[in-house]
PDB file of N, CA and C in Angstrom:
ATOM      1  N   MET A   1      43.516  43.737  48.778  1.00  0.00           N
ATOM      2  CA  MET A   1      42.525  45.154  48.399  1.00  0.00           C
ATOM      3  C   MET A   1      42.833  45.465  50.463  1.00  0.00           C
ATOM      4  N   ASN A   2      43.090  44.420  51.049  1.00  0.00           N
ATOM      5  CA  ASN A   2      42.897  45.125  52.596  1.00  0.00           C
ATOM      6  C   ASN A   2      43.910  45.509  52.999  1.00  0.00           C
ATOM      7  N   GLY A   3      45.101  45.280  52.389  1.00  0.00           N
ATOM      8  CA  GLY A   3      46.462  46.307  52.536  1.00  0.00           C
ATOM      9  C   GLY A   3      46.485  47.728  51.774  1.00  0.00           C
ATOM     10  N   LEU A   4      46.132  47.813  50.833  1.00  0.00           N
ATOM     11  CA  LEU A   4      46.002  49.357  50.388  1.00  0.00           C
ATOM     12  C   LEU A   4      44.345  50.029  51.048  1.00  0.00           C
ATOM     13  N   LEU A   5      43.550  49.390  51.162  1.00  0.00           N
ATOM     14  CA  LEU A   5      42.686  50.443  52.526  1.00  0.00           C
ATOM     15  C   LEU A   5      43.326  50.633  53.480  1.00  0.00           C
ATOM     16  N   LEU A   6      44.188  49.785  54.029  1.00  0.00           N
ATOM     17  CA  LEU A   6      44.461  49.894  55.415  1.00  0.00           C
ATOM     18  C   LEU A   6      45.584  51.048  55.050  1.00  0.00           C
ATOM     19  N   ASP A   7      46.555  51.224  53.959  1.00  0.00           N
ATOM     20  CA  ASP A   7      47.356  52.122  53.483  1.00  0.00           C
ATOM     21  C   ASP A   7      46.337  53.428  53.770  1.00  0.00           C
ATOM     22  N   ILE A   8      45.322  53.702  52.906  1.00  0.00           N
ATOM     23  CA  ILE A   8      44.731  54.866  52.599  1.00  0.00           C
ATOM     24  C   ILE A   8      44.501  55.329  53.769  1.00  0.00           C
ATOM     25  N   LEU A   9      43.767  54.432  54.725  1.00  0.00           N
ATOM     26  CA  LEU A   9      42.877  54.757  55.991  1.00  0.00           C
ATOM     27  C   LEU A   9      44.172  55.405  56.916  1.00  0.00           C
ATOM     28  N   PHE A  10      45.398  55.067  57.133  1.00  0.00           N
ATOM     29  CA  PHE A  10      46.306  55.604  57.306  1.00  0.00           C
ATOM     30  C   PHE A  10      46.983  56.616  57.597  1.00  0.00           C
ATOM     31  N   CYS A  11      46.791  56.968  55.940  1.00  0.00           N
ATOM     32  CA  CYS A  11      47.535  58.454  55.039  1.00  0.00           C
ATOM     33  C   CYS A  11      46.308  59.068  55.603  1.00  0.00           C
ATOM     34  N   LEU A  12      45.095  58.954  55.871  1.00  0.00           N
ATOM     35  CA  LEU A  12      44.170  60.041  56.112  1.00  0.00           C
ATOM     36  C   LEU A  12      44.194  60.786  57.433  1.00  0.00           C
ATOM     37  N   MET A  13      44.201  59.427  58.142  1.00  0.00           N
ATOM     38  CA  MET A  13      44.618  59.343  59.556  1.00  0.00           C
ATOM     39  C   MET A  13      45.678  60.745  59.510  1.00  0.00           C
ATOM     40  N   ALA A  14      46.858  60.200  59.026  1.00  0.00           N
ATOM     41  CA  ALA A  14      47.915  61.311  59.395  1.00  0.00           C
ATOM     42  C   ALA A  14      47.560  62.047  58.916  1.00  0.00           C
ATOM     43  N   TYR A  15      46.766  62.603  57.817  1.00  0.00           N
ATOM     44  CA  TYR A  15      46.935  63.628  57.484  1.00  0.00           C
ATOM     45  C   TYR A  15      45.821  64.708  58.004  1.00  0.00           C
ATOM     46  N   SER A  16      44.829  63.760  58.524  1.00  0.00           N
ATOM     47  CA  SER A  16      43.870  64.891  59.625  1.00  0.00           C
ATOM     48  C   SER A  16      44.692  65.024  61.127  1.00  0.00           C
ATOM     49  N   ILE A  17      45.345  64.155  61.635  1.00  0.00           N
ATOM     50  CA  ILE A  17      46.231  64.752  62.755  1.00  0.00           C
ATOM     51  C   ILE A  17      47.125  65.951  62.613  1.00  0.00           C
ATOM     52  N   LEU A  18      47.758  65.930  61.388  1.00  0.00           N
ATOM     53  CA  LEU A  18      49.222  66.852  60.780  1.00  0.00           C
ATOM     54  C   LEU A  18      47.972  68.215  60.682  1.00  0.00           C
ATOM     55  N   LEU A  19      46.982  68.066  60.031  1.00  0.00           N
ATOM     56  CA  LEU A  19      46.091  69.147  60.005  1.00  0.00           C
ATOM     57  C   LEU A  19      45.446  70.182  60.884  1.00  0.00           C
ATOM     58  N   ALA A  20      45.083  68.694  61.583  1.00  0.00           N
ATOM     59  CA  ALA A  20      44.364  69.760  63.379  1.00  0.00           C
ATOM     60  C   ALA A  20      46.010  70.430  64.153  1.00  0.00           C
ATOM     61  N   ILE A  21      47.480  69.816  63.999  1.00  0.00           N
ATOM     62  CA  ILE A  21      48.080  70.358  64.584  1.00  0.00           C
ATOM     63  C   ILE A  21      48.391  71.520  64.293  1.00  0.00           C
ATOM     64  N   ILE A  22      48.282  72.134  63.105  1.00  0.00           N
ATOM     65  CA  ILE A  22      48.650  72.875  62.054  1.00  0.00           C
ATOM     66  C   ILE A  22      47.412  74.448  62.880  1.00  0.00           C
ATOM     67  N   ILE A  23      46.288  73.546  62.703  1.00  0.00           N
ATOM     68  CA  ILE A  23      45.133  74.823  62.548  1.00  0.00           C
ATOM     69  C   ILE A  23      45.274  75.107  64.486  1.00  0.00           C
ATOM     70  N   TRP A  24      45.921  74.076  65.393  1.00  0.00           N
ATOM     71  CA  TRP A  24      45.566  74.137  66.810  1.00  0.00           C
ATOM     72  C   TRP A  24      47.076  75.428  67.042  1.00  0.00           C
ATOM     73  N   LYS A  25      47.704  75.216  66.434  1.00  0.00           N
ATOM     74  CA  LYS A  25      49.460  76.140  66.620  1.00  0.00           C
ATOM     75  C   LYS A  25      49.080  77.683  65.917  1.00  0.00           C
ATOM     76  N   LYS A  26      48.462  77.220  64.882  1.00  0.00           N
ATOM     77  CA  LYS A  26      47.803  78.834  64.371  1.00  0.00           C
ATOM     78  C   LYS A  26      46.952  79.574  64.823  1.00  0.00           C
ATOM     79  N   GLY A  27      46.048  78.852  65.558  1.00  0.00           N
ATOM     80  CA  GLY A  27      44.889  79.724  66.287  1.00  0.00           C
ATOM     81  C   GLY A  27      45.940  80.101  67.809  1.00  0.00           C
ATOM     82  N   LYS A  28      46.534  79.432  68.165  1.00  0.00           N
ATOM     83  CA  LYS A  28      47.652  79.904  69.494  1.00  0.00           C
ATOM     84  C   LYS A  28      48.472  80.812  69.094  1.00  0.00           C
ATOM     85  N   LYS A  29      48.899  81.189  67.534  1.00  0.00           N
ATOM     86  CA  LYS A  29      49.601  82.004  67.590  1.00  0.00           C
ATOM     87  C   LYS A  29      49.045  83.696  67.910  1.00  0.00           C
ATOM     88  N   GLU A  30      47.876  83.469  68.059  1.00  0.00           N
ATOM     89  CA  GLU A  30      47.527  84.957  68.092  1.00  0.00           C
ATOM     90  C   GLU A  30      47.553  85.655  68.972  1.00  0.00           C
ATOM     91  N   ASP A  31      47.959  86.800  69.157  1.00  0.00           N
ATOM     92  CA  ASP A  31      48.427  87.612  70.305  1.00  0.00           C
ATOM     93  C   ASP A  31      47.056  88.585  71.225  1.00  0.00           C
ATOM     94  N   GLY A  32      47.268  89.455  72.032  1.00  0.00           N
ATOM     95  CA  GLY A  32      46.474  89.808  72.726  1.00  0.00           C
ATOM     96  C   GLY A  32      46.056  91.058  72.436  1.00  0.00           C
ATOM     97  N   ASN A  33      46.441  91.824  71.196  1.00  0.00           N
ATOM     98  CA  ASN A  33      46.728  93.066  71.411  1.00  0.00           C
ATOM     99  C   ASN A  33      45.735  92.951  69.868  1.00  0.00           C
ATOM    100  N   GLY A  34      44.883  91.921  69.344  1.00  0.00           N
ATOM    101  CA  GLY A  34      43.848  91.873  68.614  1.00  0.00           C
ATOM    102  C   GLY A  34      44.163  91.890  66.996  1.00  0.00           C
ATOM    103  N   GLY A  35      45.449  91.240  67.201  1.00  0.00           N
ATOM    104  CA  GLY A  35      46.044  90.725  65.702  1.00  0.00           C
ATOM    105  C   GLY A  35      46.553  92.068  64.927  1.00  0.00           C
ATOM    106  N   SER A  36      47.113  93.519  65.463  1.00  0.00           N
ATOM    107  CA  SER A  36      47.470  94.655  64.877  1.00  0.00           C
ATOM    108  C   SER A  36      48.777  94.627  64.514  1.00  0.00           C
ATOM    109  N   ASN A  37      49.450  93.472  64.653  1.00  0.00           N
ATOM    110  CA  ASN A  37      51.146  93.782  65.035  1.00  0.00           C
ATOM    111  C   ASN A  37      51.189  92.953  63.200  1.00  0.00           C
ATOM    112  N   ASP A  38      51.796  93.944  62.579  1.00  0.00           N
ATOM    113  CA  ASP A  38      52.026  93.723  61.226  1.00  0.00           C
ATOM    114  C   ASP A  38      53.714  92.902  60.795  1.00  0.00           C
ATOM    115  N   ASP A  39      54.310  92.932  61.843  1.00  0.00           N
ATOM    116  CA  ASP A  39      55.639  91.973  61.860  1.00  0.00           C
ATOM    117  C   ASP A  39      56.478  92.620  61.111  1.00  0.00           C
ATOM    118  N   ASP A  40      56.749  94.151  61.192  1.00  0.00           N
ATOM    119  CA  ASP A  40      57.819  94.928  60.256  1.00  0.00           C
ATOM    120  C   ASP A  40      58.998  95.093  61.260  1.00  0.00           C
ATOM    121  N   GLY A  41      58.942  94.936  62.295  1.00  0.00           N
ATOM    122  CA  GLY A  41      59.952  95.066  63.143  1.00  0.00           C
ATOM    123  C   GLY A  41      60.474  96.175  63.375  1.00  0.00           C
ATOM    124  N   GLY A  42      61.462  96.975  64.332  1.00  0.00           N
ATOM    125  CA  GLY A  42      62.123  97.981  64.495  1.00  0.00           C
ATOM    126  C   GLY A  42      60.838  99.442  65.070  1.00  0.00           C
ATOM    127  N   LEU A  43      61.321 100.298  64.887  1.00  0.00           N
ATOM    128  CA  LEU A  43      60.773 101.685  65.196  1.00  0.00           C
ATOM    129  C   LEU A  43      59.672 102.039  63.814  1.00  0.00           C
ATOM    130  N   PRO A  44      59.088 102.388  64.173  1.00  0.00           N
ATOM    131  CA  PRO A  44      58.035 103.093  63.022  1.00  0.00           C
ATOM    132  C   PRO A  44      59.142 104.517  61.980  1.00  0.00           C
ATOM    133  N   VAL A  45      59.068 104.822  60.756  1.00  0.00           N
ATOM    134  CA  VAL A  45      59.619 105.732  60.385  1.00  0.00           C
ATOM    135  C   VAL A  45      58.574 107.068  60.413  1.00  0.00           C
ATOM    136  N   LEU A  46      58.678 108.373  60.893  1.00  0.00           N
ATOM    137  CA  LEU A  46      58.130 109.081  60.696  1.00  0.00           C
ATOM    138  C   LEU A  46      58.756 109.973  59.907  1.00  0.00           C
ATOM    139  N   THR A  47      60.004 110.303  59.485  1.00  0.00           N
ATOM    140  CA  THR A  47      60.341 111.515  58.742  1.00  0.00           C
ATOM    141  C   THR A  47      61.391 110.689  57.540  1.00  0.00           C
ATOM    142  N   PRO A  48      61.329 111.246  56.653  1.00  0.00           N
ATOM    143  CA  PRO A  48      62.118 110.369  55.411  1.00  0.00           C
ATOM    144  C   PRO A  48      63.432 110.796  56.051  1.00  0.00           C
ATOM    145  N   PRO A  49      64.921 109.566  55.496  1.00  0.00           N
ATOM    146  CA  PRO A  49      65.721 110.184  56.141  1.00  0.00           C
ATOM    147  C   PRO A  49      66.654 111.127  54.944  1.00  0.00           C
ATOM    148  N   GLU A  50      67.707 111.495  55.989  1.00  0.00           N
ATOM    149  CA  GLU A  50      67.913 113.040  55.161  1.00  0.00           C
ATOM    150  C   GLU A  50      69.542 112.027  54.364  1.00  0.00           C
ATOM    151  N   LEU A  51      69.278 113.043  52.800  1.00  0.00           N
ATOM    152  CA  LEU A  51      70.237 112.395  52.109  1.00  0.00           C
ATOM    153  C   LEU A  51      71.427 113.195  51.758  1.00  0.00           C
ATOM    154  N   ASP A  52      72.695 112.528  51.578  1.00  0.00           N
ATOM    155  CA  ASP A  52      73.762 113.416  51.490  1.00  0.00           C
ATOM    156  C   ASP A  52      74.232 113.580  50.204  1.00  0.00           C
ATOM    157  N   LEU A  53      73.653 114.145  49.536  1.00  0.00           N
ATOM    158  CA  LEU A  53      73.912 114.686  48.102  1.00  0.00           C
ATOM    159  C   LEU A  53      74.826 114.943  47.433  1.00  0.00           C
ATOM    160  N   PRO A  54      75.791 114.948  46.413  1.00  0.00           N
ATOM    161  CA  PRO A  54      76.760 115.704  45.873  1.00  0.00           C
ATOM    162  C   PRO A  54      76.714 116.660  45.781  1.00  0.00           C
ATOM    163  N   PRO A  55      77.574 117.946  46.015  1.00  0.00           N
ATOM    164  CA  PRO A  55      77.219 119.396  45.724  1.00  0.00           C
ATOM    165  C   PRO A  55      76.376 119.774  44.139  1.00  0.00           C
ATOM    166  N   GLY A  56      75.490 120.592  44.336  1.00  0.00           N
ATOM    167  CA  GLY A  56      74.590 120.711  42.851  1.00  0.00           C
ATOM    168  C   GLY A  56      73.965 119.885  42.342  1.00  0.00           C
ATOM    169  N   VAL A  57      73.796 119.103  43.132  1.00  0.00           N
ATOM    170  CA  VAL A  57      72.399 118.096  43.063  1.00  0.00           C
ATOM    171  C   VAL A  57      71.305 118.417  44.146  1.00  0.00           C
ATOM    172  N   CYS A  58      70.233 118.393  43.746  1.00  0.00           N
ATOM    173  CA  CYS A  58      69.418 118.643  44.758  1.00  0.00           C
ATOM    174  C   CYS A  58      67.750 118.065  43.941  1.00  0.00           C
ATOM    175  N   LEU A  59      67.020 117.340  45.266  1.00  0.00           N
ATOM    176  CA  LEU A  59      66.156 116.851  45.123  1.00  0.00           C
ATOM    177  C   LEU A  59      65.021 117.715  44.365  1.00  0.00           C
ATOM    178  N   PRO A  60      64.194 117.188  43.844  1.00  0.00           N
ATOM    179  CA  PRO A  60      62.812 118.465  43.374  1.00  0.00           C
ATOM    180  C   PRO A  60      61.906 118.286  44.490  1.00  0.00           C
ATOM    181  N   ILE A  61      61.321 119.707  44.425  1.00  0.00           N
ATOM    182  CA  ILE A  61      60.248 119.749  45.356  1.00  0.00           C
ATOM    183  C   ILE A  61      58.954 119.487  45.096  1.00  0.00           C
ATOM    184  N   ASP A  62      58.423 119.425  43.659  1.00  0.00           N
ATOM    185  CA  ASP A  62      57.464 118.653  43.477  1.00  0.00           C
ATOM    186  C   ASP A  62      57.493 117.393  43.171  1.00  0.00           C
ATOM    187  N   GLY A  63      56.351 116.820  42.448  1.00  0.00           N
ATOM    188  CA  GLY A  63      56.674 115.035  42.037  1.00  0.00           C
ATOM    189  C   GLY A  63      56.771 115.204  40.622  1.00  0.00           C
ATOM    190  N   PRO A  64      57.175 114.261  39.906  1.00  0.00           N
ATOM    191  CA  PRO A  64      57.310 114.381  38.214  1.00  0.00           C
ATOM    192  C   PRO A  64      55.780 114.616  37.772  1.00  0.00           C
ATOM    193  N   ARG A  65      56.602 115.136  36.531  1.00  0.00           N
ATOM    194  CA  ARG A  65      55.093 116.130  35.826  1.00  0.00           C
ATOM    195  C   ARG A  65      55.086 114.994  34.281  1.00  0.00           C
ATOM    196  N   GLN A  66      53.639 114.874  33.949  1.00  0.00           N
ATOM    197  CA  GLN A  66      54.336 114.536  32.419  1.00  0.00           C
ATOM    198  C   GLN A  66      53.407 115.738  31.361  1.00  0.00           C
ATOM    199  N   VAL A  67      54.358 116.254  30.404  1.00  0.00           N
ATOM    200  CA  VAL A  67      53.699 117.229  29.811  1.00  0.00           C
ATOM    201  C   VAL A  67      53.705 116.246  28.364  1.00  0.00           C
ATOM    202  N   ILE A  68      52.434 116.721  27.999  1.00  0.00           N
ATOM    203  CA  ILE A  68      52.082 116.493  26.824  1.00  0.00           C
ATOM    204  C   ILE A  68      51.765 117.104  25.167  1.00  0.00           C
ATOM    205  N   HIS A  69      52.764 117.068  24.786  1.00  0.00           N
ATOM    206  CA  HIS A  69      52.944 118.231  23.485  1.00  0.00           C
ATOM    207  C   HIS A  69      51.902 118.216  22.332  1.00  0.00           C
ATOM    208  N   GLU A  70      51.589 119.096  21.802  1.00  0.00           N
ATOM    209  CA  GLU A  70      50.795 119.089  20.552  1.00  0.00           C
ATOM    210  C   GLU A  70      51.263 118.072  19.591  1.00  0.00           C
ATOM    211  N   SER A  71      52.139 118.111  18.934  1.00  0.00           N
ATOM    212  CA  SER A  71      53.044 117.214  18.568  1.00  0.00           C
ATOM    213  C   SER A  71      52.928 116.003  18.640  1.00  0.00           C
ATOM    214  N   ASP A  72      52.948 115.500  19.986  1.00  0.00           N
ATOM    215  CA  ASP A  72      52.721 113.546  20.358  1.00  0.00           C
ATOM    216  C   ASP A  72      51.950 113.060  20.593  1.00  0.00           C
ATOM    217  N   GLU A  73      50.396 114.017  20.547  1.00  0.00           N
ATOM    218  CA  GLU A  73      49.419 113.454  20.758  1.00  0.00           C
ATOM    219  C   GLU A  73      48.765 112.704  19.303  1.00  0.00           C
ATOM    220  N   VAL A  74      48.344 111.806  19.374  1.00  0.00           N
ATOM    221  CA  VAL A  74      47.770 110.554  18.554  1.00  0.00           C
ATOM    222  C   VAL A  74      46.543 110.581  18.365  1.00  0.00           C
ATOM    223  N   LEU A  75      45.959 111.052  17.006  1.00  0.00           N
ATOM    224  CA  LEU A  75      45.057 111.185  16.187  1.00  0.00           C
ATOM    225  C   LEU A  75      44.012 109.877  16.289  1.00  0.00           C
ATOM    226  N   ALA A  76      43.469 109.664  16.688  1.00  0.00           N
ATOM    227  CA  ALA A  76      42.758 108.195  16.651  1.00  0.00           C
ATOM    228  C   ALA A  76      41.456 108.491  15.804  1.00  0.00           C
TER     229      ALA A  76
END
């Protein structure tokens, strides 16, 4: 029984040490700008990209609209 108790004790001690290292590394990772870095990389995109559409195809100016016709209405 003493061997099992020592194994459990060593496992708990190793777990505690690894948990402390993880917490210590995570706290050290914080940068000086208040943590506002979103890690997206690159420069911010201010304008949408210009699309090279084939002739005769144009993008709609307004967003999509959902039109409900009277015949499509479901009476509850």
